[in-house]
PDB file of N, CA and C in Angstrom:
ATOM      1  N   MET A   1      13.200  15.539   0.719  1.00  0.00           N
ATOM      2  CA  MET A   1      12.820  16.429   1.771  1.00  0.00           C
ATOM      3  C   MET A   1      13.879  16.315   2.866  1.00  0.00           C
ATOM      4  N   ASP A   2      14.460  17.439   3.245  1.00  0.00           N
ATOM      5  CA  ASP A   2      15.520  17.423   4.259  1.00  0.00           C
ATOM      6  C   ASP A   2      15.030  17.968   5.589  1.00  0.00           C
ATOM      7  N   LEU A   3      13.747  18.083   5.766  1.00  0.00           N
ATOM      8  CA  LEU A   3      13.181  18.472   7.052  1.00  0.00           C
ATOM      9  C   LEU A   3      12.606  17.248   7.718  1.00  0.00           C
ATOM     10  N   PRO A   4      12.572  17.226   9.049  1.00  0.00           N
ATOM     11  CA  PRO A   4      11.837  16.145   9.696  1.00  0.00           C
ATOM     12  C   PRO A   4      10.383  16.167   9.209  1.00  0.00           C
ATOM     13  N   THR A   5       9.799  15.004   9.020  1.00  0.00           N
ATOM     14  CA  THR A   5       8.460  14.948   8.420  1.00  0.00           C
ATOM     15  C   THR A   5       7.421  15.671   9.263  1.00  0.00           C
ATOM     16  N   TRP A   6       7.519  15.617  10.565  1.00  0.00           N
ATOM     17  CA  TRP A   6       6.525  16.284  11.410  1.00  0.00           C
ATOM     18  C   TRP A   6       6.623  17.800  11.231  1.00  0.00           C
ATOM     19  N   PHE A   7       7.853  18.342  11.056  1.00  0.00           N
ATOM     20  CA  PHE A   7       8.041  19.771  10.891  1.00  0.00           C
ATOM     21  C   PHE A   7       7.529  20.231   9.521  1.00  0.00           C
ATOM     22  N   TYR A   8       7.791  19.448   8.511  1.00  0.00           N
ATOM     23  CA  TYR A   8       7.324  19.747   7.152  1.00  0.00           C
ATOM     24  C   TYR A   8       5.807  19.818   7.123  1.00  0.00           C
ATOM     25  N   ARG A   9       5.167  18.848   7.770  1.00  0.00           N
ATOM     26  CA  ARG A   9       3.702  18.801   7.817  1.00  0.00           C
ATOM     27  C   ARG A   9       3.150  19.997   8.588  1.00  0.00           C
ATOM     28  N   LEU A  10       3.774  20.336   9.725  1.00  0.00           N
ATOM     29  CA  LEU A  10       3.328  21.449  10.548  1.00  0.00           C
ATOM     30  C   LEU A  10       3.529  22.786   9.848  1.00  0.00           C
ATOM     31  N   LEU A  11       4.711  22.981   9.272  1.00  0.00           N
ATOM     32  CA  LEU A  11       5.085  24.257   8.661  1.00  0.00           C
ATOM     33  C   LEU A  11       4.354  24.510   7.341  1.00  0.00           C
ATOM     34  N   ASN A  12       4.312  23.518   6.463  1.00  0.00           N
ATOM     35  CA  ASN A  12       3.811  23.724   5.114  1.00  0.00           C
ATOM     36  C   ASN A  12       2.460  23.064   4.819  1.00  0.00           C
ATOM     37  N   GLY A  13       2.007  22.168   5.670  1.00  0.00           N
ATOM     38  CA  GLY A  13       0.764  21.477   5.412  1.00  0.00           C
ATOM     39  C   GLY A  13       0.851  20.446   4.292  1.00  0.00           C
ATOM     40  N   ASN A  14       2.022  19.906   4.064  1.00  0.00           N
ATOM     41  CA  ASN A  14       2.252  18.848   3.059  1.00  0.00           C
ATOM     42  C   ASN A  14       1.836  19.241   1.647  1.00  0.00           C
ATOM     43  N   PRO A  15       2.346  20.314   1.084  1.00  0.00           N
ATOM     44  CA  PRO A  15       1.939  20.704  -0.273  1.00  0.00           C
ATOM     45  C   PRO A  15       2.325  19.675  -1.339  1.00  0.00           C
ATOM     46  N   THR A  16       3.444  18.996  -1.164  1.00  0.00           N
ATOM     47  CA  THR A  16       3.852  17.975  -2.127  1.00  0.00           C
ATOM     48  C   THR A  16       2.895  16.813  -2.117  1.00  0.00           C
ATOM     49  N   HIS A  17       2.480  16.383  -0.929  1.00  0.00           N
ATOM     50  CA  HIS A  17       1.559  15.271  -0.821  1.00  0.00           C
ATOM     51  C   HIS A  17       0.200  15.636  -1.409  1.00  0.00           C
ATOM     52  N   SER A  18      -0.273  16.841  -1.106  1.00  0.00           N
ATOM     53  CA  SER A  18      -1.564  17.283  -1.650  1.00  0.00           C
ATOM     54  C   SER A  18      -1.524  17.321  -3.171  1.00  0.00           C
ATOM     55  N   ALA A  19      -0.440  17.843  -3.731  1.00  0.00           N
ATOM     56  CA  ALA A  19      -0.329  17.915  -5.184  1.00  0.00           C
ATOM     57  C   ALA A  19      -0.296  16.520  -5.799  1.00  0.00           C
ATOM     58  N   MET A  20       0.447  15.607  -5.188  1.00  0.00           N
ATOM     59  CA  MET A  20       0.520  14.234  -5.725  1.00  0.00           C
ATOM     60  C   MET A  20      -0.830  13.578  -5.689  1.00  0.00           C
ATOM     61  N   LYS A  21      -1.532  13.729  -4.557  1.00  0.00           N
ATOM     62  CA  LYS A  21      -2.839  13.076  -4.414  1.00  0.00           C
ATOM     63  C   LYS A  21      -3.893  13.693  -5.326  1.00  0.00           C
ATOM     64  N   LYS A  22      -4.067  14.999  -5.209  1.00  0.00           N
ATOM     65  CA  LYS A  22      -5.182  15.658  -5.890  1.00  0.00           C
ATOM     66  C   LYS A  22      -4.924  15.914  -7.356  1.00  0.00           C
ATOM     67  N   ILE A  23      -3.784  16.458  -7.691  1.00  0.00           N
ATOM     68  CA  ILE A  23      -3.527  16.866  -9.056  1.00  0.00           C
ATOM     69  C   ILE A  23      -3.128  15.681  -9.937  1.00  0.00           C
ATOM     70  N   THR A  24      -2.344  14.771  -9.418  1.00  0.00           N
ATOM     71  CA  THR A  24      -1.861  13.676 -10.246  1.00  0.00           C
ATOM     72  C   THR A  24      -2.707  12.418 -10.121  1.00  0.00           C
ATOM     73  N   MET A  25      -2.761  11.833  -8.943  1.00  0.00           N
ATOM     74  CA  MET A  25      -3.395  10.528  -8.780  1.00  0.00           C
ATOM     75  C   MET A  25      -4.917  10.598  -8.952  1.00  0.00           C
ATOM     76  N   ASN A  26      -5.588  11.551  -8.331  1.00  0.00           N
ATOM     77  CA  ASN A  26      -7.033  11.670  -8.507  1.00  0.00           C
ATOM     78  C   ASN A  26      -7.407  12.010  -9.945  1.00  0.00           C
ATOM     79  N   PHE A  27      -6.571  12.764 -10.617  1.00  0.00           N
ATOM     80  CA  PHE A  27      -6.835  13.152 -12.007  1.00  0.00           C
ATOM     81  C   PHE A  27      -6.862  11.919 -12.921  1.00  0.00           C
ATOM     82  N   ILE A  28      -5.970  10.951 -12.663  1.00  0.00           N
ATOM     83  CA  ILE A  28      -5.926   9.774 -13.531  1.00  0.00           C
ATOM     84  C   ILE A  28      -6.856   8.662 -13.013  1.00  0.00           C
ATOM     85  N   GLY A  29      -7.612   8.949 -11.948  1.00  0.00           N
ATOM     86  CA  GLY A  29      -8.629   8.007 -11.492  1.00  0.00           C
ATOM     87  C   GLY A  29      -8.274   7.184 -10.277  1.00  0.00           C
ATOM     88  N   VAL A  30      -7.112   7.397  -9.696  1.00  0.00           N
ATOM     89  CA  VAL A  30      -6.734   6.658  -8.482  1.00  0.00           C
ATOM     90  C   VAL A  30      -7.282   7.424  -7.287  1.00  0.00           C
ATOM     91  N   LYS A  31      -8.208   6.793  -6.567  1.00  0.00           N
ATOM     92  CA  LYS A  31      -8.866   7.492  -5.441  1.00  0.00           C
ATOM     93  C   LYS A  31      -8.196   7.246  -4.098  1.00  0.00           C
ATOM     94  N   SER A  32      -7.691   6.047  -3.912  1.00  0.00           N
ATOM     95  CA  SER A  32      -7.070   5.693  -2.627  1.00  0.00           C
ATOM     96  C   SER A  32      -5.561   5.844  -2.745  1.00  0.00           C
ATOM     97  N   VAL A  33      -5.016   6.877  -2.105  1.00  0.00           N
ATOM     98  CA  VAL A  33      -3.588   7.166  -2.193  1.00  0.00           C
ATOM     99  C   VAL A  33      -3.022   7.264  -0.779  1.00  0.00           C
ATOM    100  N   LYS A  34      -1.981   6.501  -0.518  1.00  0.00           N
ATOM    101  CA  LYS A  34      -1.258   6.609   0.750  1.00  0.00           C
ATOM    102  C   LYS A  34       0.181   6.981   0.444  1.00  0.00           C
ATOM    103  N   ILE A  35       0.689   7.940   1.206  1.00  0.00           N
ATOM    104  CA  ILE A  35       2.052   8.432   0.988  1.00  0.00           C
ATOM    105  C   ILE A  35       2.881   8.194   2.250  1.00  0.00           C
ATOM    106  N   THR A  36       4.065   7.671   2.084  1.00  0.00           N
ATOM    107  CA  THR A  36       4.989   7.473   3.182  1.00  0.00           C
ATOM    108  C   THR A  36       6.123   8.473   3.057  1.00  0.00           C
ATOM    109  N   SER A  37       6.327   9.263   4.096  1.00  0.00           N
ATOM    110  CA  SER A  37       7.387  10.268   4.094  1.00  0.00           C
ATOM    111  C   SER A  37       8.638   9.699   4.743  1.00  0.00           C
ATOM    112  N   ILE A  38       9.779  10.009   4.144  1.00  0.00           N
ATOM    113  CA  ILE A  38      11.059   9.584   4.675  1.00  0.00           C
ATOM    114  C   ILE A  38      11.956  10.837   4.763  1.00  0.00           C
ATOM    115  N   GLY A  39      12.477  11.079   5.920  1.00  0.00           N
ATOM    116  CA  GLY A  39      13.353  12.240   6.010  1.00  0.00           C
ATOM    117  C   GLY A  39      13.807  12.457   7.430  1.00  0.00           C
ATOM    118  N   PRO A  40      14.789  13.274   7.598  1.00  0.00           N
ATOM    119  CA  PRO A  40      15.662  13.877   6.599  1.00  0.00           C
ATOM    120  C   PRO A  40      16.692  12.862   6.094  1.00  0.00           C
ATOM    121  N   LEU A  41      17.030  12.958   4.843  1.00  0.00           N
ATOM    122  CA  LEU A  41      17.963  12.013   4.229  1.00  0.00           C
ATOM    123  C   LEU A  41      19.370  12.565   4.045  1.00  0.00           C
ATOM    124  N   ARG A  42      19.474  13.855   3.851  1.00  0.00           N
ATOM    125  CA  ARG A  42      20.765  14.432   3.486  1.00  0.00           C
ATOM    126  C   ARG A  42      21.877  14.091   4.470  1.00  0.00           C
ATOM    127  N   LEU A  43      21.606  14.163   5.757  1.00  0.00           N
ATOM    128  CA  LEU A  43      22.640  13.915   6.755  1.00  0.00           C
ATOM    129  C   LEU A  43      22.440  12.576   7.477  1.00  0.00           C
ATOM    130  N   SER A  44      21.613  11.694   6.894  1.00  0.00           N
ATOM    131  CA  SER A  44      21.286  10.424   7.572  1.00  0.00           C
ATOM    132  C   SER A  44      22.450   9.427   7.474  1.00  0.00           C
ATOM    133  N   LYS A  45      22.432   8.513   8.379  1.00  0.00           N
ATOM    134  CA  LYS A  45      23.438   7.446   8.425  1.00  0.00           C
ATOM    135  C   LYS A  45      22.984   6.260   7.574  1.00  0.00           C
ATOM    136  N   GLY A  46      23.897   5.389   7.249  1.00  0.00           N
ATOM    137  CA  GLY A  46      23.607   4.221   6.451  1.00  0.00           C
ATOM    138  C   GLY A  46      22.574   3.301   7.085  1.00  0.00           C
ATOM    139  N   GLU A  47      22.605   3.154   8.420  1.00  0.00           N
ATOM    140  CA  GLU A  47      21.634   2.302   9.104  1.00  0.00           C
ATOM    141  C   GLU A  47      20.219   2.809   8.908  1.00  0.00           C
ATOM    142  N   PHE A  48      20.050   4.118   8.980  1.00  0.00           N
ATOM    143  CA  PHE A  48      18.742   4.753   8.789  1.00  0.00           C
ATOM    144  C   PHE A  48      18.216   4.453   7.379  1.00  0.00           C
ATOM    145  N   ARG A  49      19.080   4.602   6.385  1.00  0.00           N
ATOM    146  CA  ARG A  49      18.674   4.367   5.006  1.00  0.00           C
ATOM    147  C   ARG A  49      18.346   2.897   4.780  1.00  0.00           C
ATOM    148  N   GLU A  50      19.124   1.987   5.347  1.00  0.00           N
ATOM    149  CA  GLU A  50      18.855   0.553   5.209  1.00  0.00           C
ATOM    150  C   GLU A  50      17.507   0.185   5.818  1.00  0.00           C
ATOM    151  N   LYS A  51      17.222   0.757   6.994  1.00  0.00           N
ATOM    152  CA  LYS A  51      15.947   0.500   7.669  1.00  0.00           C
ATOM    153  C   LYS A  51      14.786   0.921   6.767  1.00  0.00           C
ATOM    154  N   TRP A  52      14.888   2.105   6.182  1.00  0.00           N
ATOM    155  CA  TRP A  52      13.800   2.601   5.324  1.00  0.00           C
ATOM    156  C   TRP A  52      13.723   1.820   4.026  1.00  0.00           C
ATOM    157  N   LEU A  53      14.824   1.415   3.447  1.00  0.00           N
ATOM    158  CA  LEU A  53      14.777   0.593   2.246  1.00  0.00           C
ATOM    159  C   LEU A  53      14.059  -0.733   2.492  1.00  0.00           C
ATOM    160  N   LYS A  54      14.326  -1.349   3.646  1.00  0.00           N
ATOM    161  CA  LYS A  54      13.657  -2.610   3.987  1.00  0.00           C
ATOM    162  C   LYS A  54      12.156  -2.372   4.185  1.00  0.00           C
ATOM    163  N   LYS A  55      11.815  -1.268   4.828  1.00  0.00           N
ATOM    164  CA  LYS A  55      10.406  -0.964   5.053  1.00  0.00           C
ATOM    165  C   LYS A  55       9.680  -0.703   3.735  1.00  0.00           C
ATOM    166  N   ILE A  56      10.297   0.015   2.831  1.00  0.00           N
ATOM    167  CA  ILE A  56       9.687   0.305   1.527  1.00  0.00           C
ATOM    168  C   ILE A  56       9.562  -0.988   0.720  1.00  0.00           C
ATOM    169  N   GLN A  57      10.554  -1.869   0.801  1.00  0.00           N
ATOM    170  CA  GLN A  57      10.448  -3.138   0.090  1.00  0.00           C
ATOM    171  C   GLN A  57       9.262  -3.944   0.608  1.00  0.00           C
ATOM    172  N   LYS A  58       9.026  -3.944   1.914  1.00  0.00           N
ATOM    173  CA  LYS A  58       7.876  -4.645   2.477  1.00  0.00           C
ATOM    174  C   LYS A  58       6.573  -4.047   1.993  1.00  0.00           C
ATOM    175  N   PHE A  59       6.520  -2.690   1.900  1.00  0.00           N
ATOM    176  CA  PHE A  59       5.316  -2.026   1.361  1.00  0.00           C
ATOM    177  C   PHE A  59       5.065  -2.487  -0.069  1.00  0.00           C
ATOM    178  N   GLY A  60       6.116  -2.544  -0.883  1.00  0.00           N
ATOM    179  CA  GLY A  60       5.975  -2.969  -2.273  1.00  0.00           C
ATOM    180  C   GLY A  60       5.498  -4.406  -2.393  1.00  0.00           C
ATOM    181  N   GLU A  61       6.069  -5.294  -1.592  1.00  0.00           N
ATOM    182  CA  GLU A  61       5.658  -6.697  -1.615  1.00  0.00           C
ATOM    183  C   GLU A  61       4.195  -6.847  -1.191  1.00  0.00           C
ATOM    184  N   LYS A  62       3.809  -6.091  -0.171  1.00  0.00           N
ATOM    185  CA  LYS A  62       2.414  -6.126   0.300  1.00  0.00           C
ATOM    186  C   LYS A  62       1.462  -5.609  -0.789  1.00  0.00           C
ATOM    187  N   ASN A  63       1.832  -4.534  -1.455  1.00  0.00           N
ATOM    188  CA  ASN A  63       0.997  -3.960  -2.516  1.00  0.00           C
ATOM    189  C   ASN A  63       0.856  -4.902  -3.687  1.00  0.00           C
ATOM    190  N   ILE A  64       1.943  -5.590  -4.058  1.00  0.00           N
ATOM    191  CA  ILE A  64       1.864  -6.554  -5.163  1.00  0.00           C
ATOM    192  C   ILE A  64       0.905  -7.672  -4.801  1.00  0.00           C
ATOM    193  N   LYS A  65       1.006  -8.197  -3.573  1.00  0.00           N
ATOM    194  CA  LYS A  65       0.137  -9.280  -3.140  1.00  0.00           C
ATOM    195  C   LYS A  65      -1.323  -8.823  -3.118  1.00  0.00           C
ATOM    196  N   THR A  66      -1.586  -7.660  -2.566  1.00  0.00           N
ATOM    197  CA  THR A  66      -2.965  -7.145  -2.484  1.00  0.00           C
ATOM    198  C   THR A  66      -3.549  -6.894  -3.855  1.00  0.00           C
ATOM    199  N   ASN A  67      -2.763  -6.269  -4.743  1.00  0.00           N
ATOM    200  CA  ASN A  67      -3.258  -5.980  -6.081  1.00  0.00           C
ATOM    201  C   ASN A  67      -3.502  -7.255  -6.870  1.00  0.00           C
ATOM    202  N   TYR A  68      -2.695  -8.263  -6.680  1.00  0.00           N
ATOM    203  CA  TYR A  68      -2.889  -9.540  -7.362  1.00  0.00           C
ATOM    204  C   TYR A  68      -4.183 -10.201  -6.859  1.00  0.00           C
ATOM    205  N   GLN A  69      -4.368 -10.206  -5.546  1.00  0.00           N
ATOM    206  CA  GLN A  69      -5.553 -10.821  -4.965  1.00  0.00           C
ATOM    207  C   GLN A  69      -6.836 -10.099  -5.404  1.00  0.00           C
ATOM    208  N   ASN A  70      -6.767  -8.800  -5.600  1.00  0.00           N
ATOM    209  CA  ASN A  70      -7.939  -8.032  -6.020  1.00  0.00           C
ATOM    210  C   ASN A  70      -8.128  -7.996  -7.540  1.00  0.00           C
ATOM    211  N   GLY A  71      -7.237  -8.657  -8.266  1.00  0.00           N
ATOM    212  CA  GLY A  71      -7.371  -8.736  -9.710  1.00  0.00           C
ATOM    213  C   GLY A  71      -6.870  -7.528 -10.474  1.00  0.00           C
ATOM    214  N   PHE A  72      -6.103  -6.651  -9.824  1.00  0.00           N
ATOM    215  CA  PHE A  72      -5.607  -5.457 -10.496  1.00  0.00           C
ATOM    216  C   PHE A  72      -4.372  -5.733 -11.347  1.00  0.00           C
ATOM    217  N   ILE A  73      -3.639  -6.790 -11.005  1.00  0.00           N
ATOM    218  CA  ILE A  73      -2.472  -7.161 -11.801  1.00  0.00           C
ATOM    219  C   ILE A  73      -2.531  -8.664 -12.075  1.00  0.00           C
ATOM    220  N   SER A  74      -1.842  -9.090 -13.110  1.00  0.00           N
ATOM    221  CA  SER A  74      -1.899 -10.505 -13.506  1.00  0.00           C
ATOM    222  C   SER A  74      -0.800 -11.311 -12.833  1.00  0.00           C
ATOM    223  N   ALA A  75      -0.925 -12.630 -12.938  1.00  0.00           N
ATOM    224  CA  ALA A  75       0.082 -13.529 -12.377  1.00  0.00           C
ATOM    225  C   ALA A  75       1.426 -13.317 -13.071  1.00  0.00           C
ATOM    226  N   ASN A  76       1.427 -12.992 -14.376  1.00  0.00           N
ATOM    227  CA  ASN A  76       2.668 -12.729 -15.099  1.00  0.00           C
ATOM    228  C   ASN A  76       3.424 -11.558 -14.493  1.00  0.00           C
ATOM    229  N   SER A  77       2.703 -10.514 -14.087  1.00  0.00           N
ATOM    230  CA  SER A  77       3.343  -9.346 -13.470  1.00  0.00           C
ATOM    231  C   SER A  77       4.005  -9.734 -12.152  1.00  0.00           C
ATOM    232  N   VAL A  78       3.329 -10.554 -11.374  1.00  0.00           N
ATOM    233  CA  VAL A  78       3.866 -10.976 -10.083  1.00  0.00           C
ATOM    234  C   VAL A  78       5.123 -11.797 -10.295  1.00  0.00           C
ATOM    235  N   GLN A  79       5.129 -12.695 -11.293  1.00  0.00           N
ATOM    236  CA  GLN A  79       6.287 -13.523 -11.562  1.00  0.00           C
ATOM    237  C   GLN A  79       7.453 -12.657 -12.036  1.00  0.00           C
ATOM    238  N   LEU A  80       7.187 -11.680 -12.886  1.00  0.00           N
ATOM    239  CA  LEU A  80       8.260 -10.798 -13.353  1.00  0.00           C
ATOM    240  C   LEU A  80       8.855 -10.026 -12.185  1.00  0.00           C
ATOM    241  N   ASN A  81       8.020  -9.520 -11.276  1.00  0.00           N
ATOM    242  CA  ASN A  81       8.518  -8.781 -10.121  1.00  0.00           C
ATOM    243  C   ASN A  81       9.331  -9.692  -9.211  1.00  0.00           C
ATOM    244  N   ALA A  82       8.907 -10.922  -9.046  1.00  0.00           N
ATOM    245  CA  ALA A  82       9.663 -11.877  -8.186  1.00  0.00           C
ATOM    246  C   ALA A  82      11.025 -12.161  -8.783  1.00  0.00           C
ATOM    247  N   LYS A  83      11.108 -12.325 -10.113  1.00  0.00           N
ATOM    248  CA  LYS A  83      12.395 -12.585 -10.745  1.00  0.00           C
ATOM    249  C   LYS A  83      13.328 -11.379 -10.673  1.00  0.00           C
ATOM    250  N   ALA A  84      12.746 -10.175 -10.745  1.00  0.00           N
ATOM    251  CA  ALA A  84      13.557  -8.956 -10.702  1.00  0.00           C
ATOM    252  C   ALA A  84      14.197  -8.748  -9.339  1.00  0.00           C
ATOM    253  N   THR A  85      13.524  -9.197  -8.266  1.00  0.00           N
ATOM    254  CA  THR A  85      14.063  -8.993  -6.926  1.00  0.00           C
ATOM    255  C   THR A  85      15.061 -10.066  -6.534  1.00  0.00           C
ATOM    256  N   ASN A  86      15.085 -11.202  -7.223  1.00  0.00           N
ATOM    257  CA  ASN A  86      16.018 -12.277  -6.849  1.00  0.00           C
ATOM    258  C   ASN A  86      17.349 -12.168  -7.517  1.00  0.00           C
TER     259      ASN A  86
END
């Protein structure tokens, strides 16, 4: 998405997010869906991209921890993910 996220939401009403949530995730049984928008990327600087990559990595680490604690993934999955990031 090359529009600022606030403009995309105001202009279009987030059709991509609605489609991902309702048509894809809800269809396969995932009820709780959170989407993080990043943009605009096309003309962004390296610092902006690094900041977002770090933020997304933190989201992923948090989700792995939460899913493990809730029993959605096994300890083997967590160990494989830890080895892949090191």
